[in-house]
Amino acid sequence: MRLRQKALLIVGTTLVGLNLVLYAIASHILVGSFRQVEQEKTRETVKSNGQCN
């Protein structure tokens, strides 16, 4: 394998790996944020329904 091919393979693999890490981190943050918002909305709904009865 020539040096140019090795360099391209290393750079390409590194970029794919970094993109996967970035995707995993972003997904974790977004899922956590949506979970928190959903819990807050559920509490508000339960609280408001409890006051009406």
PDB file of N, CA and C in Angstrom:
ATOM      1  N   MET A   1       0.862  -1.178   0.000  1.00  0.00           N
ATOM      2  CA  MET A   1       0.000   0.000   0.000  1.00  0.00           C
ATOM      3  C   MET A   1       0.905   1.236   0.000  1.00  0.00           C
ATOM      4  N   ARG A   2       0.573   2.178  -0.831  1.00  0.00           N
ATOM      5  CA  ARG A   2       1.374   3.384  -0.954  1.00  0.00           C
ATOM      6  C   ARG A   2       1.090   4.329   0.206  1.00  0.00           C
ATOM      7  N   LEU A   3       2.004   5.243   0.414  1.00  0.00           N
ATOM      8  CA  LEU A   3       1.901   6.197   1.514  1.00  0.00           C
ATOM      9  C   LEU A   3       0.644   7.048   1.394  1.00  0.00           C
ATOM     10  N   ARG A   4       0.327   7.457   0.187  1.00  0.00           N
ATOM     11  CA  ARG A   4      -0.865   8.286  -0.020  1.00  0.00           C
ATOM     12  C   ARG A   4      -2.130   7.526   0.377  1.00  0.00           C
ATOM     13  N   GLN A   5      -2.220   6.280   0.012  1.00  0.00           N
ATOM     14  CA  GLN A   5      -3.381   5.458   0.356  1.00  0.00           C
ATOM     15  C   GLN A   5      -3.488   5.258   1.864  1.00  0.00           C
ATOM     16  N   LYS A   6      -2.349   5.027   2.509  1.00  0.00           N
ATOM     17  CA  LYS A   6      -2.346   4.859   3.963  1.00  0.00           C
ATOM     18  C   LYS A   6      -2.819   6.136   4.659  1.00  0.00           C
ATOM     19  N   ALA A   7      -2.320   7.268   4.188  1.00  0.00           N
ATOM     20  CA  ALA A   7      -2.696   8.549   4.789  1.00  0.00           C
ATOM     21  C   ALA A   7      -4.188   8.805   4.621  1.00  0.00           C
ATOM     22  N   LEU A   8      -4.710   8.548   3.425  1.00  0.00           N
ATOM     23  CA  LEU A   8      -6.141   8.751   3.190  1.00  0.00           C
ATOM     24  C   LEU A   8      -6.979   7.804   4.048  1.00  0.00           C
ATOM     25  N   LEU A   9      -6.522   6.574   4.196  1.00  0.00           N
ATOM     26  CA  LEU A   9      -7.235   5.609   5.025  1.00  0.00           C
ATOM     27  C   LEU A   9      -7.255   6.051   6.486  1.00  0.00           C
ATOM     28  N   ILE A  10      -6.132   6.525   6.978  1.00  0.00           N
ATOM     29  CA  ILE A  10      -6.052   6.983   8.369  1.00  0.00           C
ATOM     30  C   ILE A  10      -6.933   8.211   8.587  1.00  0.00           C
ATOM     31  N   VAL A  11      -6.847   9.176   7.687  1.00  0.00           N
ATOM     32  CA  VAL A  11      -7.654  10.394   7.812  1.00  0.00           C
ATOM     33  C   VAL A  11      -9.139  10.065   7.708  1.00  0.00           C
ATOM     34  N   GLY A  12      -9.506   9.228   6.755  1.00  0.00           N
ATOM     35  CA  GLY A  12     -10.912   8.848   6.591  1.00  0.00           C
ATOM     36  C   GLY A  12     -11.450   8.113   7.802  1.00  0.00           C
ATOM     37  N   THR A  13     -10.676   7.161   8.316  1.00  0.00           N
ATOM     38  CA  THR A  13     -11.098   6.410   9.501  1.00  0.00           C
ATOM     39  C   THR A  13     -11.238   7.329  10.709  1.00  0.00           C
ATOM     40  N   THR A  14     -10.309   8.255  10.856  1.00  0.00           N
ATOM     41  CA  THR A  14     -10.374   9.203  11.970  1.00  0.00           C
ATOM     42  C   THR A  14     -11.620  10.077  11.874  1.00  0.00           C
ATOM     43  N   LEU A  15     -11.923  10.567  10.692  1.00  0.00           N
ATOM     44  CA  LEU A  15     -13.108  11.411  10.516  1.00  0.00           C
ATOM     45  C   LEU A  15     -14.394  10.643  10.799  1.00  0.00           C
ATOM     46  N   VAL A  16     -14.475   9.410  10.338  1.00  0.00           N
ATOM     47  CA  VAL A  16     -15.660   8.594  10.609  1.00  0.00           C
ATOM     48  C   VAL A  16     -15.796   8.354  12.108  1.00  0.00           C
ATOM     49  N   GLY A  17     -14.686   8.037  12.765  1.00  0.00           N
ATOM     50  CA  GLY A  17     -14.716   7.808  14.212  1.00  0.00           C
ATOM     51  C   GLY A  17     -15.148   9.043  14.981  1.00  0.00           C
ATOM     52  N   LEU A  18     -14.614  10.189  14.618  1.00  0.00           N
ATOM     53  CA  LEU A  18     -14.983  11.429  15.300  1.00  0.00           C
ATOM     54  C   LEU A  18     -16.452  11.772  15.072  1.00  0.00           C
ATOM     55  N   ASN A  19     -16.948  11.522  13.872  1.00  0.00           N
ATOM     56  CA  ASN A  19     -18.368  11.765  13.602  1.00  0.00           C
ATOM     57  C   ASN A  19     -19.254  10.856  14.441  1.00  0.00           C
ATOM     58  N   LEU A  20     -18.860   9.608  14.610  1.00  0.00           N
ATOM     59  CA  LEU A  20     -19.637   8.687  15.441  1.00  0.00           C
ATOM     60  C   LEU A  20     -19.654   9.137  16.899  1.00  0.00           C
ATOM     61  N   VAL A  21     -18.512   9.585  17.399  1.00  0.00           N
ATOM     62  CA  VAL A  21     -18.444  10.076  18.775  1.00  0.00           C
ATOM     63  C   VAL A  21     -19.314  11.319  18.935  1.00  0.00           C
ATOM     64  N   LEU A  22     -19.239  12.239  17.999  1.00  0.00           N
ATOM     65  CA  LEU A  22     -20.049  13.453  18.053  1.00  0.00           C
ATOM     66  C   LEU A  22     -21.530  13.127  18.015  1.00  0.00           C
ATOM     67  N   TYR A  23     -21.917  12.186  17.168  1.00  0.00           N
ATOM     68  CA  TYR A  23     -23.319  11.766  17.075  1.00  0.00           C
ATOM     69  C   TYR A  23     -23.791  11.154  18.391  1.00  0.00           C
ATOM     70  N   ALA A  24     -22.964  10.315  18.992  1.00  0.00           N
ATOM     71  CA  ALA A  24     -23.335   9.672  20.252  1.00  0.00           C
ATOM     72  C   ALA A  24     -23.513  10.702  21.363  1.00  0.00           C
ATOM     73  N   ILE A  25     -22.617  11.653  21.440  1.00  0.00           N
ATOM     74  CA  ILE A  25     -22.710  12.685  22.476  1.00  0.00           C
ATOM     75  C   ILE A  25     -23.945  13.554  22.256  1.00  0.00           C
ATOM     76  N   ALA A  26     -24.174  13.986  21.030  1.00  0.00           N
ATOM     77  CA  ALA A  26     -25.334  14.830  20.729  1.00  0.00           C
ATOM     78  C   ALA A  26     -26.634  14.085  21.007  1.00  0.00           C
ATOM     79  N   SER A  27     -26.695  12.820  20.644  1.00  0.00           N
ATOM     80  CA  SER A  27     -27.904  12.026  20.901  1.00  0.00           C
ATOM     81  C   SER A  27     -28.159  11.900  22.392  1.00  0.00           C
ATOM     82  N   HIS A  28     -27.107  11.657  23.150  1.00  0.00           N
ATOM     83  CA  HIS A  28     -27.248  11.514  24.602  1.00  0.00           C
ATOM     84  C   HIS A  28     -27.770  12.808  25.225  1.00  0.00           C
ATOM     85  N   ILE A  29     -27.233  13.925  24.798  1.00  0.00           N
ATOM     86  CA  ILE A  29     -27.664  15.221  25.335  1.00  0.00           C
ATOM     87  C   ILE A  29     -29.112  15.501  24.954  1.00  0.00           C
ATOM     88  N   LEU A  30     -29.463  15.281  23.693  1.00  0.00           N
ATOM     89  CA  LEU A  30     -30.827  15.569  23.243  1.00  0.00           C
ATOM     90  C   LEU A  30     -31.846  14.659  23.904  1.00  0.00           C
ATOM     91  N   VAL A  31     -31.544  13.374  24.010  1.00  0.00           N
ATOM     92  CA  VAL A  31     -32.483  12.443  24.640  1.00  0.00           C
ATOM     93  C   VAL A  31     -32.681  12.820  26.100  1.00  0.00           C
ATOM     94  N   GLY A  32     -31.614  13.177  26.783  1.00  0.00           N
ATOM     95  CA  GLY A  32     -31.730  13.599  28.175  1.00  0.00           C
ATOM     96  C   GLY A  32     -32.565  14.857  28.323  1.00  0.00           C
ATOM     97  N   SER A  33     -32.375  15.805  27.419  1.00  0.00           N
ATOM     98  CA  SER A  33     -33.137  17.050  27.473  1.00  0.00           C
ATOM     99  C   SER A  33     -34.615  16.808  27.208  1.00  0.00           C
ATOM    100  N   PHE A  34     -34.923  15.995  26.205  1.00  0.00           N
ATOM    101  CA  PHE A  34     -36.320  15.699  25.898  1.00  0.00           C
ATOM    102  C   PHE A  34     -36.982  14.932  27.037  1.00  0.00           C
ATOM    103  N   ARG A  35     -36.237  14.040  27.670  1.00  0.00           N
ATOM    104  CA  ARG A  35     -36.778  13.284  28.801  1.00  0.00           C
ATOM    105  C   ARG A  35     -37.138  14.237  29.946  1.00  0.00           C
ATOM    106  N   GLN A  36     -36.256  15.197  30.206  1.00  0.00           N
ATOM    107  CA  GLN A  36     -36.501  16.157  31.277  1.00  0.00           C
ATOM    108  C   GLN A  36     -37.726  17.019  30.962  1.00  0.00           C
ATOM    109  N   VAL A  37     -37.848  17.491  29.743  1.00  0.00           N
ATOM    110  CA  VAL A  37     -39.003  18.306  29.347  1.00  0.00           C
ATOM    111  C   VAL A  37     -40.284  17.495  29.467  1.00  0.00           C
ATOM    112  N   GLU A  38     -40.249  16.243  29.036  1.00  0.00           N
ATOM    113  CA  GLU A  38     -41.433  15.388  29.108  1.00  0.00           C
ATOM    114  C   GLU A  38     -41.861  15.165  30.563  1.00  0.00           C
ATOM    115  N   GLN A  39     -40.899  14.956  31.448  1.00  0.00           N
ATOM    116  CA  GLN A  39     -41.231  14.766  32.861  1.00  0.00           C
ATOM    117  C   GLN A  39     -41.838  16.026  33.464  1.00  0.00           C
ATOM    118  N   GLU A  40     -41.294  17.180  33.122  1.00  0.00           N
ATOM    119  CA  GLU A  40     -41.836  18.441  33.640  1.00  0.00           C
ATOM    120  C   GLU A  40     -43.265  18.664  33.150  1.00  0.00           C
ATOM    121  N   LYS A  41     -43.501  18.412  31.870  1.00  0.00           N
ATOM    122  CA  LYS A  41     -44.851  18.588  31.319  1.00  0.00           C
ATOM    123  C   LYS A  41     -45.831  17.608  31.960  1.00  0.00           C
ATOM    124  N   THR A  42     -45.382  16.387  32.202  1.00  0.00           N
ATOM    125  CA  THR A  42     -46.249  15.395  32.846  1.00  0.00           C
ATOM    126  C   THR A  42     -46.605  15.837  34.256  1.00  0.00           C
ATOM    127  N   ARG A  43     -45.622  16.344  34.993  1.00  0.00           N
ATOM    128  CA  ARG A  43     -45.898  16.839  36.355  1.00  0.00           C
ATOM    129  C   ARG A  43     -46.910  17.984  36.322  1.00  0.00           C
ATOM    130  N   GLU A  44     -46.733  18.902  35.377  1.00  0.00           N
ATOM    131  CA  GLU A  44     -47.657  20.031  35.268  1.00  0.00           C
ATOM    132  C   GLU A  44     -49.065  19.546  34.941  1.00  0.00           C
ATOM    133  N   THR A  45     -49.171  18.583  34.050  1.00  0.00           N
ATOM    134  CA  THR A  45     -50.480  18.055  33.663  1.00  0.00           C
ATOM    135  C   THR A  45     -51.155  17.366  34.837  1.00  0.00           C
ATOM    136  N   VAL A  46     -50.402  16.533  35.544  1.00  0.00           N
ATOM    137  CA  VAL A  46     -50.962  15.824  36.700  1.00  0.00           C
ATOM    138  C   VAL A  46     -51.360  16.821  37.779  1.00  0.00           C
ATOM    139  N   LYS A  47     -50.533  17.824  37.976  1.00  0.00           N
ATOM    140  CA  LYS A  47     -50.820  18.839  38.991  1.00  0.00           C
ATOM    141  C   LYS A  47     -52.087  19.620  38.633  1.00  0.00           C
ATOM    142  N   SER A  48     -52.227  20.024  37.378  1.00  0.00           N
ATOM    143  CA  SER A  48     -53.403  20.797  36.973  1.00  0.00           C
ATOM    144  C   SER A  48     -54.659  19.932  36.980  1.00  0.00           C
ATOM    145  N   ASN A  49     -54.557  18.665  36.617  1.00  0.00           N
ATOM    146  CA  ASN A  49     -55.719  17.773  36.660  1.00  0.00           C
ATOM    147  C   ASN A  49     -56.137  17.485  38.093  1.00  0.00           C
ATOM    148  N   GLY A  50     -55.192  17.437  38.990  1.00  0.00           N
ATOM    149  CA  GLY A  50     -55.509  17.202  40.396  1.00  0.00           C
ATOM    150  C   GLY A  50     -56.223  18.390  41.015  1.00  0.00           C
ATOM    151  N   GLN A  51     -55.937  19.589  40.555  1.00  0.00           N
ATOM    152  CA  GLN A  51     -56.573  20.783  41.094  1.00  0.00           C
ATOM    153  C   GLN A  51     -57.999  20.933  40.593  1.00  0.00           C
ATOM    154  N   CYS A  52     -58.301  20.397  39.428  1.00  0.00           N
ATOM    155  CA  CYS A  52     -59.642  20.527  38.852  1.00  0.00           C
ATOM    156  C   CYS A  52     -60.638  19.591  39.531  1.00  0.00           C
ATOM    157  N   ASN A  53     -60.182  18.463  40.023  1.00  0.00           N
ATOM    158  CA  ASN A  53     -61.096  17.475  40.609  1.00  0.00           C
ATOM    159  C   ASN A  53     -61.472  17.813  42.005  1.00  0.00           C
TER     160      ASN A  53
END
